[in-house]
C-alpha atoms as a PDB file:
ATOM      1  CA  MET A   1       0.000   0.000   0.000  1.00  0.00           C
ATOM      2  CA  LEU A   2       2.967   2.348   0.443  1.00  0.00           C
ATOM      3  CA  GLU A   3       3.957   2.318  -3.201  1.00  0.00           C
ATOM      4  CA  PRO A   4       1.823   3.318  -6.162  1.00  0.00           C
ATOM      5  CA  GLU A   5       0.977   0.792  -8.793  1.00  0.00           C
ATOM      6  CA  GLY A   6       2.305   2.371 -11.986  1.00  0.00           C
ATOM      7  CA  SER A   7       1.384   6.035 -11.725  1.00  0.00           C
ATOM      8  CA  ALA A   8      -1.546   5.477  -9.327  1.00  0.00           C
ATOM      9  CA  TRP A   9      -1.497   6.329  -5.641  1.00  0.00           C
ATOM     10  CA  TYR A  10      -3.063   4.288  -2.853  1.00  0.00           C
ATOM     11  CA  ALA A  11      -3.570   6.245   0.352  1.00  0.00           C
ATOM     12  CA  ASN A  12      -5.328   5.589   3.676  1.00  0.00           C
ATOM     13  CA  LEU A  13      -5.952   7.937   6.575  1.00  0.00           C
ATOM     14  CA  GLU A  14      -7.348   6.663   9.874  1.00  0.00           C
ATOM     15  CA  LEU A  15      -8.296   9.136  12.590  1.00  0.00           C
ATOM     16  CA  GLU A  16      -9.863   8.629  16.002  1.00  0.00           C
ATOM     17  CA  PHE A  17     -11.042  11.259  18.449  1.00  0.00           C
ATOM     18  CA  ALA A  18     -11.926  10.944  22.124  1.00  0.00           C
ATOM     19  CA  THR A  19     -12.685  13.202  25.077  1.00  0.00           C
ATOM     20  CA  ARG A  20     -10.050  13.749  27.731  1.00  0.00           C
ATOM     21  CA  ALA A  21     -10.929  16.054  30.635  1.00  0.00           C
ATOM     22  CA  ALA A  22     -13.691  17.700  28.567  1.00  0.00           C
ATOM     23  CA  ALA A  23     -11.341  18.218  25.608  1.00  0.00           C
ATOM     24  CA  THR A  24     -11.532  16.450  22.249  1.00  0.00           C
ATOM     25  CA  VAL A  25      -8.146  14.993  21.347  1.00  0.00           C
ATOM     26  CA  LEU A  26      -6.802  13.137  18.347  1.00  0.00           C
ATOM     27  CA  THR A  27      -5.957   9.721  19.782  1.00  0.00           C
ATOM     28  CA  ARG A  28      -5.169   7.911  16.525  1.00  0.00           C
ATOM     29  CA  ASN A  29      -3.540   9.279  13.395  1.00  0.00           C
ATOM     30  CA  ARG A  30      -2.380   6.589  11.011  1.00  0.00           C
ATOM     31  CA  HIS A  31      -1.647   7.319   7.381  1.00  0.00           C
ATOM     32  CA  VAL A  32      -0.347   5.290   4.477  1.00  0.00           C
ATOM     33  CA  GLY A  33       0.585   7.136   1.316  1.00  0.00           C
ATOM     34  CA  PRO A  34      -0.133  10.799   0.530  1.00  0.00           C
ATOM     35  CA  LEU A  35      -2.904  11.609   3.001  1.00  0.00           C
ATOM     36  CA  LEU A  36      -1.950  13.657   6.055  1.00  0.00           C
ATOM     37  CA  VAL A  37      -3.425  15.982   8.646  1.00  0.00           C
ATOM     38  CA  GLN A  38      -2.236  19.301   9.929  1.00  0.00           C
ATOM     39  CA  LYS A  39      -1.730  19.895  13.634  1.00  0.00           C
ATOM     40  CA  PRO A  40      -5.028  19.804  15.593  1.00  0.00           C
ATOM     41  CA  LEU A  41      -6.267  23.303  16.277  1.00  0.00           C
ATOM     42  CA  TYR A  42      -8.672  24.636  18.920  1.00  0.00           C
ATOM     43  CA  PRO A  43      -9.802  28.091  17.754  1.00  0.00           C
ATOM     44  CA  GLU A  44     -13.059  27.824  19.733  1.00  0.00           C
ATOM     45  CA  GLY A  45     -11.789  26.058  22.836  1.00  0.00           C
ATOM     46  CA  ALA A  46     -10.748  22.552  23.825  1.00  0.00           C
ATOM     47  CA  GLN A  47     -14.125  20.877  23.301  1.00  0.00           C
ATOM     48  CA  THR A  48     -13.985  21.050  19.487  1.00  0.00           C
ATOM     49  CA  CYS A  49     -10.966  19.840  17.528  1.00  0.00           C
ATOM     50  CA  HIS A  50     -10.373  21.345  14.065  1.00  0.00           C
ATOM     51  CA  ILE A  51      -8.405  19.239  11.565  1.00  0.00           C
ATOM     52  CA  ALA A  52      -7.397  19.996   7.963  1.00  0.00           C
ATOM     53  CA  ILE A  53      -6.873  16.923   5.780  1.00  0.00           C
ATOM     54  CA  LEU A  54      -4.059  17.298   3.260  1.00  0.00           C
ATOM     55  CA  HIS A  55      -3.533  15.446  -0.010  1.00  0.00           C
ATOM     56  CA  PRO A  56      -0.081  16.646  -1.178  1.00  0.00           C
ATOM     57  CA  PRO A  57      -0.415  15.428  -4.814  1.00  0.00           C
ATOM     58  CA  GLY A  58      -3.127  18.069  -5.193  1.00  0.00           C
ATOM     59  CA  GLY A  59      -5.599  15.941  -7.130  1.00  0.00           C
ATOM     60  CA  ILE A  60      -6.976  12.448  -7.697  1.00  0.00           C
ATOM     61  CA  ALA A  61      -5.746  10.834 -10.895  1.00  0.00           C
ATOM     62  CA  ALA A  62      -6.696   7.720 -12.847  1.00  0.00           C
ATOM     63  CA  GLY A  63      -6.349   4.600 -10.716  1.00  0.00           C
ATOM     64  CA  ASP A  64      -5.812   6.465  -7.436  1.00  0.00           C
ATOM     65  CA  ARG A  65      -7.559   5.049  -4.377  1.00  0.00           C
ATOM     66  CA  LEU A  66      -8.001   7.330  -1.380  1.00  0.00           C
ATOM     67  CA  ARG A  67      -9.678   6.189   1.821  1.00  0.00           C
ATOM     68  CA  ILE A  68     -10.419   8.435   4.799  1.00  0.00           C
ATOM     69  CA  GLU A  69     -11.833   7.021   8.025  1.00  0.00           C
ATOM     70  CA  ALA A  70     -12.676   8.927  11.191  1.00  0.00           C
ATOM     71  CA  THR A  71     -14.081   7.474  14.413  1.00  0.00           C
ATOM     72  CA  LEU A  72     -15.482   9.766  17.087  1.00  0.00           C
ATOM     73  CA  GLN A  73     -15.817   8.363  20.572  1.00  0.00           C
ATOM     74  CA  ALA A  74     -18.635   9.395  22.887  1.00  0.00           C
ATOM     75  CA  ARG A  75     -19.224  13.156  23.276  1.00  0.00           C
ATOM     76  CA  SER A  76     -16.223  14.143  21.159  1.00  0.00           C
ATOM     77  CA  ARG A  77     -16.595  17.061  18.746  1.00  0.00           C
ATOM     78  CA  THR A  78     -14.593  17.417  15.532  1.00  0.00           C
ATOM     79  CA  LEU A  79     -14.570  19.676  12.501  1.00  0.00           C
ATOM     80  CA  LEU A  80     -12.810  18.280   9.432  1.00  0.00           C
ATOM     81  CA  THR A  81     -12.065  20.311   6.324  1.00  0.00           C
ATOM     82  CA  THR A  82      -9.628  20.582   3.418  1.00  0.00           C
ATOM     83  CA  PRO A  83      -7.366  23.524   2.565  1.00  0.00           C
ATOM     84  CA  GLY A  84      -8.292  23.618  -1.109  1.00  0.00           C
ATOM     85  CA  ALA A  85     -10.345  22.108  -3.904  1.00  0.00           C
ATOM     86  CA  THR A  86     -10.227  18.383  -4.648  1.00  0.00           C
ATOM     87  CA  LYS A  87      -9.345  17.952  -8.318  1.00  0.00           C
ATOM     88  CA  TRP A  88     -10.513  14.914 -10.259  1.00  0.00           C
ATOM     89  CA  TYR A  89      -8.114  14.666 -13.174  1.00  0.00           C
ATOM     90  CA  ARG A  90      -8.680  13.445 -16.718  1.00  0.00           C
ATOM     91  CA  SER A  91      -8.461   9.670 -17.172  1.00  0.00           C
ATOM     92  CA  GLU A  92      -7.876   7.483 -20.200  1.00  0.00           C
ATOM     93  CA  GLY A  93      -9.983   4.750 -18.604  1.00  0.00           C
ATOM     94  CA  ALA A  94      -8.951   3.814 -15.060  1.00  0.00           C
ATOM     95  CA  VAL A  95     -11.308   4.943 -12.277  1.00  0.00           C
ATOM     96  CA  ALA A  96     -10.141   7.317  -9.532  1.00  0.00           C
ATOM     97  CA  HIS A  97     -11.681   6.455  -6.139  1.00  0.00           C
ATOM     98  CA  GLN A  98     -12.304   8.372  -2.921  1.00  0.00           C
ATOM     99  CA  ASP A  99     -13.958   6.522  -0.045  1.00  0.00           C
ATOM    100  CA  VAL A 100     -14.853   8.474   3.128  1.00  0.00           C
ATOM    101  CA  ARG A 101     -16.292   6.741   6.199  1.00  0.00           C
ATOM    102  CA  PHE A 102     -17.302   8.290   9.514  1.00  0.00           C
ATOM    103  CA  ALA A 103     -18.470   6.490  12.668  1.00  0.00           C
ATOM    104  CA  LEU A 104     -19.866   8.538  15.561  1.00  0.00           C
ATOM    105  CA  ALA A 105     -20.513   7.200  19.064  1.00  0.00           C
ATOM    106  CA  ALA A 106     -23.245   8.486  21.381  1.00  0.00           C
ATOM    107  CA  GLY A 107     -23.277  12.245  21.774  1.00  0.00           C
ATOM    108  CA  ALA A 108     -20.464  12.845  19.272  1.00  0.00           C
ATOM    109  CA  VAL A 109     -20.680  15.641  16.706  1.00  0.00           C
ATOM    110  CA  LEU A 110     -18.845  15.736  13.387  1.00  0.00           C
ATOM    111  CA  GLU A 111     -18.757  18.618  10.920  1.00  0.00           C
ATOM    112  CA  TRP A 112     -17.370  17.598   7.501  1.00  0.00           C
ATOM    113  CA  LEU A 113     -16.905  20.863   5.627  1.00  0.00           C
ATOM    114  CA  PRO A 114     -14.506  20.338   2.696  1.00  0.00           C
ATOM    115  CA  ARG A 115     -13.784  22.786  -0.071  1.00  0.00           C
ATOM    116  CA  GLU A 116     -15.274  22.044  -3.482  1.00  0.00           C
ATOM    117  CA  GLY A 117     -14.449  19.243  -5.885  1.00  0.00           C
ATOM    118  CA  ILE A 118     -13.596  19.987  -9.513  1.00  0.00           C
ATOM    119  CA  VAL A 119     -14.332  17.294 -12.099  1.00  0.00           C
ATOM    120  CA  PHE A 120     -12.001  17.830 -15.051  1.00  0.00           C
ATOM    121  CA  ASN A 121     -13.243  17.050 -18.526  1.00  0.00           C
ATOM    122  CA  GLY A 122     -12.522  13.388 -19.199  1.00  0.00           C
ATOM    123  CA  ALA A 123     -12.415  12.409 -15.509  1.00  0.00           C
ATOM    124  CA  ASN A 124     -13.553   8.920 -14.525  1.00  0.00           C
ATOM    125  CA  ALA A 125     -14.319   9.194 -10.826  1.00  0.00           C
ATOM    126  CA  SER A 126     -16.025   7.395  -7.962  1.00  0.00           C
ATOM    127  CA  SER A 127     -16.851   9.128  -4.664  1.00  0.00           C
ATOM    128  CA  ARG A 128     -18.383   7.370  -1.655  1.00  0.00           C
ATOM    129  CA  LEU A 129     -19.417   8.772   1.716  1.00  0.00           C
ATOM    130  CA  GLU A 130     -20.840   6.653   4.522  1.00  0.00           C
ATOM    131  CA  VAL A 131     -21.797   8.052   7.925  1.00  0.00           C
ATOM    132  CA  THR A 132     -22.887   5.903  10.879  1.00  0.00           C
ATOM    133  CA  LEU A 133     -24.443   7.623  13.886  1.00  0.00           C
ATOM    134  CA  ALA A 134     -25.089   6.247  17.344  1.00  0.00           C
ATOM    135  CA  SER A 135     -27.997   7.566  19.390  1.00  0.00           C
ATOM    136  CA  GLY A 136     -27.564  11.245  20.188  1.00  0.00           C
ATOM    137  CA  ALA A 137     -24.798  11.790  17.629  1.00  0.00           C
ATOM    138  CA  GLY A 138     -25.013  14.638  15.125  1.00  0.00           C
ATOM    139  CA  TYR A 139     -23.537  15.191  11.673  1.00  0.00           C
ATOM    140  CA  VAL A 140     -23.263  18.234   9.423  1.00  0.00           C
ATOM    141  CA  GLY A 141     -21.589  17.824   6.041  1.00  0.00           C
ATOM    142  CA  TRP A 142     -21.587  19.231   2.549  1.00  0.00           C
ATOM    143  CA  ASP A 143     -20.435  18.327  -0.921  1.00  0.00           C
ATOM    144  CA  ILE A 144     -19.878  20.972  -3.602  1.00  0.00           C
ATOM    145  CA  MET A 145     -18.959  19.970  -7.150  1.00  0.00           C
ATOM    146  CA  SER A 146     -17.872  21.888 -10.231  1.00  0.00           C
ATOM    147  CA  PHE A 147     -18.283  20.084 -13.549  1.00  0.00           C
ATOM    148  CA  GLY A 148     -15.375  21.295 -15.639  1.00  0.00           C
ATOM    149  CA  ARG A 149     -13.003  24.171 -14.956  1.00  0.00           C
ATOM    150  CA  ARG A 150     -15.274  27.136 -15.456  1.00  0.00           C
ATOM    151  CA  ALA A 151     -12.486  29.709 -15.007  1.00  0.00           C
ATOM    152  CA  SER A 152     -10.709  28.367 -18.087  1.00  0.00           C
ATOM    153  CA  GLY A 153     -13.896  27.787 -20.070  1.00  0.00           C
ATOM    154  CA  GLU A 154     -13.737  24.004 -19.818  1.00  0.00           C
ATOM    155  CA  ARG A 155     -16.998  22.069 -19.553  1.00  0.00           C
ATOM    156  CA  TRP A 156     -17.534  18.457 -18.530  1.00  0.00           C
ATOM    157  CA  THR A 157     -18.485  16.783 -21.800  1.00  0.00           C
ATOM    158  CA  THR A 158     -16.671  13.449 -21.545  1.00  0.00           C
ATOM    159  CA  GLY A 159     -16.112  11.138 -18.591  1.00  0.00           C
ATOM    160  CA  ARG A 160     -18.069   9.484 -15.829  1.00  0.00           C
ATOM    161  CA  LEU A 161     -18.834  10.194 -12.182  1.00  0.00           C
ATOM    162  CA  ARG A 162     -20.278   7.748  -9.659  1.00  0.00           C
ATOM    163  CA  ILE A 163     -21.505   9.116  -6.339  1.00  0.00           C
ATOM    164  CA  HIS A 164     -22.827   7.197  -3.353  1.00  0.00           C
ATOM    165  CA  THR A 165     -23.844   8.727  -0.022  1.00  0.00           C
ATOM    166  CA  ALA A 166     -25.466   6.954   2.919  1.00  0.00           C
ATOM    167  CA  ILE A 167     -26.228   8.155   6.444  1.00  0.00           C
ATOM    168  CA  ARG A 168     -27.377   5.621   9.046  1.00  0.00           C
ATOM    169  CA  ARG A 169     -28.348   5.802  12.686  1.00  0.00           C
ATOM    170  CA  GLU A 170     -28.130   2.583  14.689  1.00  0.00           C
ATOM    171  CA  ASP A 171     -28.359   0.432  11.531  1.00  0.00           C
ATOM    172  CA  ARG A 172     -31.381   2.367  10.259  1.00  0.00           C
ATOM    173  CA  LEU A 173     -30.925   4.189   6.977  1.00  0.00           C
ATOM    174  CA  LEU A 174     -31.777   7.879   7.365  1.00  0.00           C
ATOM    175  CA  TRP A 175     -30.863   9.046   3.882  1.00  0.00           C
ATOM    176  CA  ALA A 176     -29.045   7.709   0.829  1.00  0.00           C
ATOM    177  CA  GLU A 177     -28.325   8.870  -2.671  1.00  0.00           C
ATOM    178  CA  THR A 178     -26.637   7.104  -5.580  1.00  0.00           C
ATOM    179  CA  ALA A 179     -25.824   8.526  -8.996  1.00  0.00           C
ATOM    180  CA  ASP A 180     -24.000   7.222 -12.051  1.00  0.00           C
ATOM    181  CA  LEU A 181     -23.409  10.189 -14.344  1.00  0.00           C
ATOM    182  CA  ASP A 182     -22.149   9.969 -17.913  1.00  0.00           C
ATOM    183  CA  ALA A 183     -20.929  13.305 -19.247  1.00  0.00           C
ATOM    184  CA  SER A 184     -21.918  12.379 -22.796  1.00  0.00           C
ATOM    185  CA  SER A 185     -25.525  11.811 -21.729  1.00  0.00           C
ATOM    186  CA  ARG A 186     -28.135  14.548 -21.431  1.00  0.00           C
ATOM    187  CA  PHE A 187     -27.484  14.925 -17.702  1.00  0.00           C
ATOM    188  CA  ALA A 188     -25.885  18.370 -18.013  1.00  0.00           C
ATOM    189  CA  GLN A 189     -28.939  19.863 -19.709  1.00  0.00           C
ATOM    190  CA  SER A 190     -31.710  17.701 -18.254  1.00  0.00           C
ATOM    191  CA  SER A 191     -34.210  19.257 -15.873  1.00  0.00           C
ATOM    192  CA  ILE A 192     -33.561  16.338 -13.507  1.00  0.00           C
ATOM    193  CA  GLY A 193     -29.816  16.868 -13.858  1.00  0.00           C
ATOM    194  CA  LEU A 194     -27.797  20.079 -13.919  1.00  0.00           C
ATOM    195  CA  SER A 195     -30.350  22.025 -15.994  1.00  0.00           C
ATOM    196  CA  GLY A 196     -27.509  23.736 -17.849  1.00  0.00           C
ATOM    197  CA  PHE A 197     -25.649  24.784 -14.682  1.00  0.00           C
ATOM    198  CA  THR A 198     -22.016  23.841 -14.084  1.00  0.00           C
ATOM    199  CA  ALA A 199     -21.953  23.474 -10.295  1.00  0.00           C
ATOM    200  CA  CYS A 200     -24.072  21.831  -7.622  1.00  0.00           C
ATOM    201  CA  GLY A 201     -24.011  21.259  -3.903  1.00  0.00           C
ATOM    202  CA  THR A 202     -25.746  19.303  -1.159  1.00  0.00           C
ATOM    203  CA  LEU A 203     -25.651  20.069   2.562  1.00  0.00           C
ATOM    204  CA  ALA A 204     -26.887  17.364   4.943  1.00  0.00           C
ATOM    205  CA  VAL A 205     -27.667  17.745   8.643  1.00  0.00           C
ATOM    206  CA  ALA A 206     -28.412  14.411  10.324  1.00  0.00           C
ATOM    207  CA  GLY A 207     -29.239  13.207  13.797  1.00  0.00           C
ATOM    208  CA  TYR A 208     -31.288  16.247  14.762  1.00  0.00           C
ATOM    209  CA  GLU A 209     -34.979  16.997  14.606  1.00  0.00           C
ATOM    210  CA  ILE A 210     -35.333  20.362  12.899  1.00  0.00           C
ATOM    211  CA  GLY A 211     -38.282  22.373  14.183  1.00  0.00           C
ATOM    212  CA  ASP A 212     -40.621  24.457  12.043  1.00  0.00           C
ATOM    213  CA  GLU A 213     -39.159  27.792  13.136  1.00  0.00           C
ATOM    214  CA  LEU A 214     -35.580  26.759  12.385  1.00  0.00           C
ATOM    215  CA  LEU A 215     -36.633  25.306   9.038  1.00  0.00           C
ATOM    216  CA  ALA A 216     -38.374  28.574   8.140  1.00  0.00           C
ATOM    217  CA  ALA A 217     -35.306  30.567   9.185  1.00  0.00           C
ATOM    218  CA  CYS A 218     -33.084  28.398   6.957  1.00  0.00           C
ATOM    219  CA  ARG A 219     -35.405  28.924   4.012  1.00  0.00           C
ATOM    220  CA  ARG A 220     -35.083  32.685   4.411  1.00  0.00           C
ATOM    221  CA  VAL A 221     -31.339  32.412   3.760  1.00  0.00           C
ATOM    222  CA  GLN A 222     -30.853  32.775   0.011  1.00  0.00           C
ATOM    223  CA  CYS A 223     -27.981  31.887  -2.280  1.00  0.00           C
ATOM    224  CA  ALA A 224     -26.424  35.135  -3.518  1.00  0.00           C
ATOM    225  CA  GLU A 225     -25.787  33.936  -7.076  1.00  0.00           C
ATOM    226  CA  ARG A 226     -28.367  35.442  -9.396  1.00  0.00           C
ATOM    227  CA  GLY A 227     -30.235  32.817 -11.397  1.00  0.00           C
ATOM    228  CA  SER A 228     -29.174  29.905  -9.215  1.00  0.00           C
ATOM    229  CA  ARG A 229     -31.705  27.387  -7.938  1.00  0.00           C
ATOM    230  CA  SER A 230     -31.821  26.267  -4.335  1.00  0.00           C
ATOM    231  CA  GLY A 231     -34.118  24.503  -1.938  1.00  0.00           C
ATOM    232  CA  ILE A 232     -34.306  22.999   1.540  1.00  0.00           C
ATOM    233  CA  THR A 233     -36.055  19.751   2.452  1.00  0.00           C
ATOM    234  CA  ARG A 234     -36.760  18.216   5.863  1.00  0.00           C
ATOM    235  CA  VAL A 235     -37.259  14.505   6.419  1.00  0.00           C
ATOM    236  CA  PRO A 236     -37.153  12.649   9.760  1.00  0.00           C
ATOM    237  CA  ALA A 237     -33.785  13.337  11.439  1.00  0.00           C
ATOM    238  CA  VAL A 238     -32.315  14.880   8.261  1.00  0.00           C
ATOM    239  CA  LEU A 239     -32.264  18.364   6.733  1.00  0.00           C
ATOM    240  CA  LEU A 240     -31.077  18.722   3.123  1.00  0.00           C
ATOM    241  CA  ALA A 241     -30.115  21.914   1.323  1.00  0.00           C
ATOM    242  CA  ARG A 242     -29.370  21.773  -2.405  1.00  0.00           C
ATOM    243  CA  CYS A 243     -28.172  24.285  -4.934  1.00  0.00           C
ATOM    244  CA  LEU A 244     -27.581  24.474  -8.682  1.00  0.00           C
ATOM    245  CA  GLY A 245     -25.513  27.340 -10.044  1.00  0.00           C
ATOM    246  CA  ASP A 246     -22.359  28.332 -11.868  1.00  0.00           C
ATOM    247  CA  SER A 247     -20.306  29.476  -8.872  1.00  0.00           C
ATOM    248  CA  THR A 248     -18.901  27.069  -6.307  1.00  0.00           C
ATOM    249  CA  GLU A 249     -17.940  30.117  -4.251  1.00  0.00           C
ATOM    250  CA  ALA A 250     -21.582  31.220  -4.054  1.00  0.00           C
ATOM    251  CA  ILE A 251     -22.711  27.720  -3.034  1.00  0.00           C
ATOM    252  CA  PHE A 252     -19.938  27.569  -0.414  1.00  0.00           C
ATOM    253  CA  ASP A 253     -21.038  30.963   0.914  1.00  0.00           C
ATOM    254  CA  TRP A 254     -24.694  29.860   1.105  1.00  0.00           C
ATOM    255  CA  PHE A 255     -23.820  26.647   2.922  1.00  0.00           C
ATOM    256  CA  SER A 256     -21.555  28.572   5.302  1.00  0.00           C
ATOM    257  CA  ARG A 257     -24.389  30.962   6.180  1.00  0.00           C
ATOM    258  CA  LEU A 258     -26.770  28.065   6.761  1.00  0.00           C
ATOM    259  CA  TRP A 259     -24.178  26.409   8.996  1.00  0.00           C
ATOM    260  CA  ALA A 260     -23.794  29.675  10.922  1.00  0.00           C
ATOM    261  CA  LEU A 261     -27.552  29.688  11.499  1.00  0.00           C
ATOM    262  CA  LEU A 262     -27.903  26.002  12.338  1.00  0.00           C
ATOM    263  CA  ARG A 263     -24.936  25.524  14.626  1.00  0.00           C
ATOM    264  CA  PRO A 264     -26.080  27.725  17.535  1.00  0.00           C
ATOM    265  CA  ALA A 265     -29.597  26.275  17.340  1.00  0.00           C
ATOM    266  CA  LEU A 266     -28.459  22.643  17.314  1.00  0.00           C
ATOM    267  CA  SER A 267     -25.281  22.742  19.405  1.00  0.00           C
ATOM    268  CA  ASN A 268     -25.474  26.034  21.295  1.00  0.00           C
ATOM    269  CA  ARG A 269     -22.176  27.067  19.671  1.00  0.00           C
ATOM    270  CA  VAL A 270     -21.386  29.986  17.401  1.00  0.00           C
ATOM    271  CA  ALA A 271     -19.990  28.937  14.016  1.00  0.00           C
ATOM    272  CA  CYS A 272     -16.201  29.200  13.981  1.00  0.00           C
ATOM    273  CA  ALA A 273     -14.709  29.051  10.483  1.00  0.00           C
ATOM    274  CA  PRO A 274     -11.556  26.927  10.179  1.00  0.00           C
ATOM    275  CA  ARG A 275      -8.415  29.035   9.969  1.00  0.00           C
ATOM    276  CA  VAL A 276      -7.340  27.295   6.767  1.00  0.00           C
ATOM    277  CA  TRP A 277     -10.290  28.887   4.925  1.00  0.00           C
ATOM    278  CA  ALA A 278      -8.609  32.266   5.317  1.00  0.00           C
ATOM    279  CA  CYS A 279      -5.321  31.120   3.770  1.00  0.00           C
END
């Protein structure tokens, strides 16, 4: 696992967090290959540990396999993020994989707030996220994706993207979504696809029951990008916010403002942006 096969990288990152004297500490940090973490930071006090996950190659290429696992012990609180965009590079055929798995014990809270992903034209990618919650655990996470490099005028017209997301609580499925997207299909223009937009995002809040007043307050927060489409849905123990647009920055800003509204209501804590976002 330490060496790449041909030009492909295989990388694992295993993290575990626990409470020690009311502080959340990183008790396990094992990595194989090019996946690392920065030093744990505590910008809002010892109860919440902030970690930035680093992938030094800068992108996920054909044949790469990245696996990130984080386990949160009871009552621990962790915020995980990334310092920059995840780039899914062009492939001549081999699939690039990213597999993220989180397991939260009773009373634990995890915030998974990565920067956006950019799917290059010709990318062949597979992204999986699985979250398992014990009773009383809470999860907030988002996924923002740009199809093609809009700044350089590139659109996603060839390639394939497979996405699987599942959130469970005590072996009961709360929410799941699976997609197998072919760039050469009509997905980009379809009304049940991107509807002509080049970016999309989903924010999921799980493990909490969202009341009517909080739901209404979230719906009053609007995405700033003119012409974008957004909506918020509530199902038992899950709140979903979705957006279609052409600016990942605008989607990131909208999700950040929703997080700033939700966090005090759900955890009695003011939102504290990771320091790496300001770099």
